[in-house]
Each structure stands twice: as C-alpha cells, then as structure tokens.
Amino acid sequence: MSKPSYASVQVGDEIPSLSTEPITRHTLALYCGASGDHNPIHVDIDYAKESGLDDVIAHGMLSMAYIGRLVTNWVSQESVRELKTRFTAMTLVGDTVTCRGKITEKFTESGENRVRLELTAETPREQSLVGEAVIALD
C-alpha cells in the first residue's frame, strides 16, 4: 500500500483496520515483560478473582499499542503528531481486538498539512477504547 497524501484523503475516509488474534495468557505475560507493567490483575487469576473479576484482564495499554500499530501501519511513525486515547471497557482473555480509524478533519498547522483521525478499539462485546490522532501528510 502506498503512503497516503493530503490530497488523496478526504474527511470520512477510513484507514485500513487492524484485527488481532485472540488475547492469550501468553500475550499478557509477554506484554508484562515488554512494558514493565506486572500488575497481578493481568496475570494472576487468583488475584483477579479476589478483586471481583472472573479472570485476568488485558492491559489497557496493550489495546493502545494496537491502536498505535493501526496508525503506523497507515503512515510512518515520524508522521504522528498526537495520539491520545481513553479506555472505555475491559479486554478479556480470548477477546480479539479490532481497531479502526476515520478521518474527521483536514487542516494546516505549523506549516504542515494534517489530518485528525477518530480511533476506536472493539472487542466482540463492546468498544474498549476511543481516541484520536493527528497525522502530518505531504
């Protein structure tokens, strides 16, 4: 896929989506090591149950990482000017995560042509993350 240009995109365009494999305990253990987030709610089922959950939950930042991958699959990392998210629901073991982005604005700032993306991540049950990114395009 070729890199998008400011002239080639329009408000309302969707960027290519990203869908993950089901989240596994192995995924969570690897993410713990990579991120340094060893909160037991993500890997210790006994701790999760003591906290009132049925099982461990995925790191919210793992879904944010998937959102980051969605964006950088579309443009280079150097094009990203802002990326912000808000977590709206838990992601569970076995969930797939589907990430989507849609252009909501085209504008010029600091001498650059930019677009604003509305971002979402969804599990099979519900939306788990919302956010936005600002991208510089030539």
N, C-alpha and C. Protein backbone atom coordinates (compact mmCIF):
# COMPACT_ATOMS: atom_id res chain seq x y z
N MET A 1 0.84 -1.19 0.00
CA MET A 1 0.00 0.00 0.00
C MET A 1 0.88 1.24 0.00
N SER A 2 0.52 2.23 -0.83
CA SER A 2 1.31 3.44 -0.89
C SER A 2 0.94 4.37 0.26
N LYS A 3 1.88 5.23 0.61
CA LYS A 3 1.67 6.18 1.69
C LYS A 3 0.60 7.19 1.27
N PRO A 4 -0.35 7.49 2.15
CA PRO A 4 -1.39 8.46 1.78
C PRO A 4 -0.81 9.87 1.67
N SER A 5 -1.41 10.67 0.84
CA SER A 5 -1.04 12.08 0.74
C SER A 5 -2.23 12.93 1.19
N TYR A 6 -1.95 14.16 1.53
CA TYR A 6 -3.01 15.07 1.98
C TYR A 6 -4.08 15.22 0.90
N ALA A 7 -3.65 15.30 -0.36
CA ALA A 7 -4.59 15.47 -1.46
C ALA A 7 -5.42 14.21 -1.73
N SER A 8 -4.89 13.05 -1.35
CA SER A 8 -5.58 11.79 -1.68
C SER A 8 -6.61 11.35 -0.65
N VAL A 9 -6.68 12.04 0.49
CA VAL A 9 -7.61 11.62 1.55
C VAL A 9 -8.69 12.68 1.74
N GLN A 10 -9.84 12.23 2.21
CA GLN A 10 -10.98 13.12 2.44
C GLN A 10 -11.57 12.85 3.82
N VAL A 11 -12.21 13.85 4.39
CA VAL A 11 -12.94 13.66 5.63
C VAL A 11 -13.97 12.56 5.39
N GLY A 12 -14.04 11.62 6.31
CA GLY A 12 -14.94 10.48 6.20
C GLY A 12 -14.25 9.21 5.74
N ASP A 13 -13.05 9.35 5.13
CA ASP A 13 -12.30 8.17 4.71
C ASP A 13 -11.89 7.34 5.93
N GLU A 14 -11.95 6.03 5.78
CA GLU A 14 -11.47 5.13 6.83
C GLU A 14 -10.12 4.59 6.43
N ILE A 15 -9.24 4.45 7.42
CA ILE A 15 -7.94 3.84 7.17
C ILE A 15 -8.10 2.33 7.31
N PRO A 16 -7.16 1.55 6.76
CA PRO A 16 -7.29 0.09 6.88
C PRO A 16 -7.34 -0.36 8.35
N SER A 17 -8.31 -1.19 8.66
CA SER A 17 -8.49 -1.65 10.05
C SER A 17 -7.42 -2.67 10.42
N LEU A 18 -7.34 -2.94 11.71
CA LEU A 18 -6.40 -3.93 12.26
C LEU A 18 -7.18 -4.83 13.20
N SER A 19 -7.09 -6.14 12.99
CA SER A 19 -7.72 -7.11 13.89
C SER A 19 -6.64 -8.03 14.43
N THR A 20 -6.70 -8.29 15.72
CA THR A 20 -5.69 -9.11 16.38
C THR A 20 -6.14 -10.56 16.46
N GLU A 21 -5.21 -11.41 16.77
CA GLU A 21 -5.53 -12.77 17.18
C GLU A 21 -6.15 -12.70 18.58
N PRO A 22 -6.84 -13.73 19.03
CA PRO A 22 -7.37 -13.71 20.39
C PRO A 22 -6.27 -13.48 21.43
N ILE A 23 -6.58 -12.66 22.43
CA ILE A 23 -5.64 -12.39 23.52
C ILE A 23 -5.48 -13.68 24.33
N THR A 24 -4.23 -14.07 24.56
CA THR A 24 -3.94 -15.26 25.35
C THR A 24 -3.20 -14.87 26.63
N ARG A 25 -3.11 -15.81 27.54
CA ARG A 25 -2.31 -15.57 28.75
C ARG A 25 -0.85 -15.35 28.37
N HIS A 26 -0.42 -16.02 27.33
CA HIS A 26 0.96 -15.84 26.85
C HIS A 26 1.16 -14.41 26.35
N THR A 27 0.18 -13.88 25.61
CA THR A 27 0.23 -12.48 25.16
C THR A 27 0.40 -11.55 26.35
N LEU A 28 -0.39 -11.79 27.40
CA LEU A 28 -0.34 -10.92 28.58
C LEU A 28 0.99 -11.04 29.31
N ALA A 29 1.53 -12.25 29.40
CA ALA A 29 2.83 -12.44 30.05
C ALA A 29 3.93 -11.73 29.27
N LEU A 30 3.89 -11.86 27.95
CA LEU A 30 4.89 -11.16 27.12
C LEU A 30 4.76 -9.65 27.26
N TYR A 31 3.51 -9.14 27.29
CA TYR A 31 3.32 -7.70 27.43
C TYR A 31 3.79 -7.22 28.79
N CYS A 32 3.59 -8.02 29.83
CA CYS A 32 4.10 -7.65 31.16
C CYS A 32 5.60 -7.40 31.09
N GLY A 33 6.32 -8.34 30.47
CA GLY A 33 7.77 -8.21 30.37
C GLY A 33 8.20 -7.04 29.52
N ALA A 34 7.52 -6.83 28.41
CA ALA A 34 7.89 -5.75 27.49
C ALA A 34 7.58 -4.38 28.07
N SER A 35 6.46 -4.27 28.78
CA SER A 35 6.01 -2.96 29.27
C SER A 35 6.52 -2.64 30.67
N GLY A 36 6.87 -3.67 31.43
CA GLY A 36 7.24 -3.46 32.82
C GLY A 36 6.02 -3.35 33.73
N ASP A 37 4.83 -3.55 33.19
CA ASP A 37 3.59 -3.49 33.97
C ASP A 37 3.26 -4.89 34.46
N HIS A 38 3.66 -5.18 35.68
CA HIS A 38 3.47 -6.51 36.26
C HIS A 38 2.31 -6.54 37.26
N ASN A 39 1.33 -5.67 37.08
CA ASN A 39 0.16 -5.66 37.95
C ASN A 39 -0.47 -7.04 37.90
N PRO A 40 -0.68 -7.69 39.05
CA PRO A 40 -1.20 -9.06 39.06
C PRO A 40 -2.61 -9.20 38.47
N ILE A 41 -3.35 -8.11 38.33
CA ILE A 41 -4.69 -8.19 37.73
C ILE A 41 -4.62 -8.69 36.29
N HIS A 42 -3.42 -8.61 35.69
CA HIS A 42 -3.23 -9.01 34.29
C HIS A 42 -2.71 -10.43 34.12
N VAL A 43 -2.20 -11.05 35.19
CA VAL A 43 -1.58 -12.37 35.03
C VAL A 43 -1.93 -13.39 36.11
N ASP A 44 -2.46 -12.95 37.22
CA ASP A 44 -2.71 -13.83 38.36
C ASP A 44 -4.22 -14.02 38.53
N ILE A 45 -4.72 -15.18 38.12
CA ILE A 45 -6.17 -15.42 38.16
C ILE A 45 -6.71 -15.38 39.59
N ASP A 46 -5.94 -15.86 40.57
CA ASP A 46 -6.40 -15.80 41.96
C ASP A 46 -6.57 -14.35 42.40
N TYR A 47 -5.62 -13.51 42.07
CA TYR A 47 -5.70 -12.09 42.40
C TYR A 47 -6.91 -11.45 41.71
N ALA A 48 -7.11 -11.78 40.44
CA ALA A 48 -8.24 -11.22 39.69
C ALA A 48 -9.56 -11.62 40.35
N LYS A 49 -9.68 -12.88 40.74
CA LYS A 49 -10.91 -13.34 41.39
C LYS A 49 -11.12 -12.66 42.75
N GLU A 50 -10.03 -12.46 43.50
CA GLU A 50 -10.14 -11.74 44.78
C GLU A 50 -10.58 -10.30 44.56
N SER A 51 -10.32 -9.77 43.38
CA SER A 51 -10.70 -8.40 43.03
C SER A 51 -12.11 -8.33 42.45
N GLY A 52 -12.81 -9.47 42.38
CA GLY A 52 -14.18 -9.48 41.90
C GLY A 52 -14.36 -9.79 40.42
N LEU A 53 -13.28 -10.16 39.76
CA LEU A 53 -13.37 -10.50 38.34
C LEU A 53 -13.43 -12.01 38.17
N ASP A 54 -13.88 -12.45 37.01
CA ASP A 54 -13.90 -13.88 36.71
C ASP A 54 -12.54 -14.39 36.28
N ASP A 55 -11.71 -13.51 35.72
CA ASP A 55 -10.41 -13.89 35.18
C ASP A 55 -9.55 -12.64 35.08
N VAL A 56 -8.32 -12.80 34.66
CA VAL A 56 -7.45 -11.65 34.46
C VAL A 56 -7.99 -10.80 33.30
N ILE A 57 -7.55 -9.56 33.26
CA ILE A 57 -7.92 -8.65 32.17
C ILE A 57 -6.65 -8.19 31.46
N ALA A 58 -6.81 -7.86 30.20
CA ALA A 58 -5.67 -7.36 29.43
C ALA A 58 -5.32 -5.95 29.87
N HIS A 59 -4.07 -5.60 29.70
CA HIS A 59 -3.61 -4.23 29.96
C HIS A 59 -4.33 -3.28 29.02
N GLY A 60 -4.82 -2.18 29.55
CA GLY A 60 -5.39 -1.16 28.67
C GLY A 60 -4.38 -0.66 27.66
N MET A 61 -3.13 -0.56 28.11
CA MET A 61 -2.08 -0.07 27.22
C MET A 61 -1.77 -1.05 26.09
N LEU A 62 -2.14 -2.32 26.24
CA LEU A 62 -1.98 -3.26 25.13
C LEU A 62 -2.91 -2.86 23.99
N SER A 63 -4.15 -2.51 24.32
CA SER A 63 -5.07 -2.04 23.28
C SER A 63 -4.59 -0.72 22.68
N MET A 64 -3.99 0.13 23.51
CA MET A 64 -3.44 1.38 22.97
C MET A 64 -2.28 1.07 22.02
N ALA A 65 -1.50 0.06 22.34
CA ALA A 65 -0.41 -0.35 21.44
C ALA A 65 -0.97 -0.83 20.10
N TYR A 66 -2.08 -1.55 20.14
CA TYR A 66 -2.72 -1.98 18.90
C TYR A 66 -3.20 -0.77 18.10
N ILE A 67 -3.72 0.24 18.79
CA ILE A 67 -4.13 1.48 18.11
C ILE A 67 -2.91 2.14 17.48
N GLY A 68 -1.80 2.16 18.21
CA GLY A 68 -0.56 2.71 17.64
C GLY A 68 -0.14 1.96 16.39
N ARG A 69 -0.27 0.65 16.42
CA ARG A 69 0.08 -0.16 15.25
C ARG A 69 -0.87 0.14 14.09
N LEU A 70 -2.16 0.32 14.38
CA LEU A 70 -3.12 0.69 13.34
C LEU A 70 -2.64 1.95 12.61
N VAL A 71 -2.26 2.95 13.38
CA VAL A 71 -1.85 4.23 12.80
C VAL A 71 -0.54 4.09 12.03
N THR A 72 0.44 3.38 12.61
CA THR A 72 1.75 3.28 11.94
C THR A 72 1.77 2.24 10.83
N ASN A 73 0.71 1.44 10.71
CA ASN A 73 0.55 0.63 9.50
C ASN A 73 0.11 1.51 8.33
N TRP A 74 -0.51 2.65 8.64
CA TRP A 74 -1.04 3.55 7.63
C TRP A 74 -0.01 4.62 7.22
N VAL A 75 0.69 5.18 8.21
CA VAL A 75 1.71 6.21 7.96
C VAL A 75 2.95 5.88 8.78
N SER A 76 4.05 6.53 8.47
CA SER A 76 5.28 6.32 9.24
C SER A 76 5.14 6.93 10.64
N GLN A 77 5.89 6.40 11.56
CA GLN A 77 5.88 6.90 12.93
C GLN A 77 6.22 8.38 12.98
N GLU A 78 7.09 8.83 12.08
CA GLU A 78 7.51 10.23 12.06
C GLU A 78 6.36 11.18 11.70
N SER A 79 5.29 10.65 11.11
CA SER A 79 4.14 11.48 10.72
C SER A 79 3.17 11.73 11.86
N VAL A 80 3.29 10.98 12.94
CA VAL A 80 2.35 11.10 14.06
C VAL A 80 2.69 12.32 14.90
N ARG A 81 1.73 13.21 15.04
CA ARG A 81 1.91 14.42 15.85
C ARG A 81 1.25 14.31 17.22
N GLU A 82 0.13 13.61 17.29
CA GLU A 82 -0.58 13.39 18.56
C GLU A 82 -1.23 12.01 18.52
N LEU A 83 -1.30 11.40 19.68
CA LEU A 83 -2.05 10.15 19.84
C LEU A 83 -2.57 10.14 21.27
N LYS A 84 -3.89 10.13 21.39
CA LYS A 84 -4.47 10.09 22.73
C LYS A 84 -5.66 9.15 22.74
N THR A 85 -5.85 8.50 23.88
CA THR A 85 -6.92 7.52 23.99
C THR A 85 -7.56 7.58 25.37
N ARG A 86 -8.73 6.97 25.44
CA ARG A 86 -9.45 6.81 26.71
C ARG A 86 -10.01 5.39 26.71
N PHE A 87 -9.80 4.69 27.81
CA PHE A 87 -10.28 3.32 27.93
C PHE A 87 -11.74 3.32 28.35
N THR A 88 -12.56 2.50 27.69
CA THR A 88 -14.00 2.51 27.96
C THR A 88 -14.53 1.17 28.45
N ALA A 89 -13.75 0.10 28.32
CA ALA A 89 -14.20 -1.22 28.78
C ALA A 89 -12.99 -2.14 28.88
N MET A 90 -13.18 -3.25 29.58
CA MET A 90 -12.10 -4.22 29.75
C MET A 90 -11.97 -5.15 28.55
N THR A 91 -10.75 -5.55 28.29
CA THR A 91 -10.46 -6.57 27.28
C THR A 91 -10.09 -7.84 28.03
N LEU A 92 -10.72 -8.95 27.64
CA LEU A 92 -10.57 -10.21 28.37
C LEU A 92 -9.73 -11.21 27.60
N VAL A 93 -9.23 -12.20 28.32
CA VAL A 93 -8.55 -13.32 27.68
C VAL A 93 -9.52 -13.95 26.68
N GLY A 94 -9.04 -14.20 25.48
CA GLY A 94 -9.86 -14.78 24.42
C GLY A 94 -10.45 -13.74 23.47
N ASP A 95 -10.47 -12.48 23.88
CA ASP A 95 -11.00 -11.43 23.02
C ASP A 95 -10.08 -11.18 21.83
N THR A 96 -10.67 -10.90 20.70
CA THR A 96 -9.94 -10.27 19.60
C THR A 96 -10.17 -8.78 19.75
N VAL A 97 -9.25 -8.00 19.23
CA VAL A 97 -9.38 -6.55 19.27
C VAL A 97 -9.38 -6.06 17.82
N THR A 98 -10.39 -5.30 17.46
CA THR A 98 -10.46 -4.71 16.13
C THR A 98 -10.33 -3.20 16.27
N CYS A 99 -9.32 -2.66 15.59
CA CYS A 99 -9.03 -1.23 15.65
C CYS A 99 -9.41 -0.57 14.33
N ARG A 100 -10.02 0.61 14.45
CA ARG A 100 -10.46 1.34 13.26
C ARG A 100 -10.11 2.82 13.40
N GLY A 101 -9.95 3.47 12.27
CA GLY A 101 -9.70 4.90 12.25
C GLY A 101 -10.43 5.55 11.09
N LYS A 102 -10.89 6.77 11.34
CA LYS A 102 -11.62 7.52 10.30
C LYS A 102 -11.16 8.98 10.35
N ILE A 103 -10.94 9.55 9.18
CA ILE A 103 -10.52 10.95 9.08
C ILE A 103 -11.72 11.84 9.40
N THR A 104 -11.54 12.73 10.37
CA THR A 104 -12.62 13.63 10.77
C THR A 104 -12.34 15.08 10.45
N GLU A 105 -11.08 15.39 10.09
CA GLU A 105 -10.73 16.79 9.82
C GLU A 105 -9.46 16.85 9.00
N LYS A 106 -9.40 17.81 8.10
CA LYS A 106 -8.17 18.15 7.37
C LYS A 106 -7.87 19.60 7.70
N PHE A 107 -6.62 19.90 8.03
CA PHE A 107 -6.26 21.27 8.40
C PHE A 107 -4.76 21.49 8.23
N THR A 108 -4.36 22.74 8.32
CA THR A 108 -2.95 23.11 8.26
C THR A 108 -2.56 23.74 9.59
N GLU A 109 -1.45 23.27 10.14
CA GLU A 109 -0.94 23.80 11.41
C GLU A 109 0.57 23.70 11.41
N SER A 110 1.22 24.72 11.93
CA SER A 110 2.69 24.77 11.99
C SER A 110 3.32 24.50 10.62
N GLY A 111 2.67 24.99 9.58
CA GLY A 111 3.20 24.84 8.23
C GLY A 111 3.06 23.44 7.64
N GLU A 112 2.28 22.57 8.30
CA GLU A 112 2.09 21.20 7.83
C GLU A 112 0.63 20.95 7.49
N ASN A 113 0.40 20.16 6.46
CA ASN A 113 -0.94 19.64 6.20
C ASN A 113 -1.15 18.46 7.13
N ARG A 114 -2.26 18.48 7.84
CA ARG A 114 -2.54 17.44 8.84
C ARG A 114 -3.95 16.92 8.71
N VAL A 115 -4.15 15.72 9.22
CA VAL A 115 -5.49 15.15 9.36
C VAL A 115 -5.68 14.68 10.79
N ARG A 116 -6.92 14.74 11.22
CA ARG A 116 -7.29 14.21 12.54
C ARG A 116 -8.05 12.92 12.31
N LEU A 117 -7.68 11.89 13.06
CA LEU A 117 -8.33 10.59 12.98
C LEU A 117 -9.13 10.34 14.25
N GLU A 118 -10.33 9.84 14.09
CA GLU A 118 -11.10 9.29 15.20
C GLU A 118 -10.73 7.81 15.26
N LEU A 119 -10.36 7.32 16.44
CA LEU A 119 -9.87 5.96 16.61
C LEU A 119 -10.75 5.18 17.57
N THR A 120 -10.93 3.89 17.28
CA THR A 120 -11.66 3.01 18.20
C THR A 120 -11.00 1.64 18.24
N ALA A 121 -11.16 0.99 19.37
CA ALA A 121 -10.81 -0.43 19.51
C ALA A 121 -12.03 -1.12 20.08
N GLU A 122 -12.36 -2.28 19.52
CA GLU A 122 -13.55 -3.01 19.95
C GLU A 122 -13.21 -4.47 20.20
N THR A 123 -13.85 -5.03 21.22
CA THR A 123 -13.82 -6.46 21.46
C THR A 123 -15.11 -7.02 20.86
N PRO A 124 -15.30 -8.34 20.88
CA PRO A 124 -16.57 -8.87 20.37
C PRO A 124 -17.79 -8.38 21.16
N ARG A 125 -17.59 -7.90 22.38
CA ARG A 125 -18.71 -7.46 23.22
C ARG A 125 -19.01 -5.98 23.12
N GLU A 126 -17.92 -5.16 23.02
CA GLU A 126 -18.13 -3.71 23.17
C GLU A 126 -16.90 -2.93 22.75
N GLN A 127 -17.09 -1.63 22.65
CA GLN A 127 -15.97 -0.74 22.38
C GLN A 127 -15.12 -0.65 23.65
N SER A 128 -13.81 -0.82 23.50
CA SER A 128 -12.94 -0.84 24.67
C SER A 128 -12.03 0.39 24.76
N LEU A 129 -11.94 1.15 23.68
CA LEU A 129 -11.05 2.31 23.66
C LEU A 129 -11.55 3.28 22.60
N VAL A 130 -11.47 4.56 22.91
CA VAL A 130 -11.70 5.62 21.92
C VAL A 130 -10.52 6.57 21.97
N GLY A 131 -10.27 7.23 20.87
CA GLY A 131 -9.17 8.16 20.87
C GLY A 131 -9.09 8.95 19.59
N GLU A 132 -7.98 9.66 19.45
CA GLU A 132 -7.74 10.40 18.23
C GLU A 132 -6.24 10.54 18.00
N ALA A 133 -5.92 10.77 16.75
CA ALA A 133 -4.54 11.01 16.36
C ALA A 133 -4.52 12.18 15.40
N VAL A 134 -3.41 12.90 15.42
CA VAL A 134 -3.17 13.94 14.42
C VAL A 134 -1.94 13.50 13.63
N ILE A 135 -2.10 13.51 12.30
CA ILE A 135 -1.09 12.99 11.40
C ILE A 135 -0.71 14.06 10.39
N ALA A 136 0.61 14.24 10.18
CA ALA A 136 1.10 15.15 9.14
C ALA A 136 1.21 14.37 7.83
N LEU A 137 0.66 14.93 6.76
CA LEU A 137 0.72 14.28 5.44
C LEU A 137 1.29 15.27 4.42
N ASP A 138 2.11 14.76 3.51
CA ASP A 138 2.66 15.60 2.44
C ASP A 138 1.62 15.84 1.38
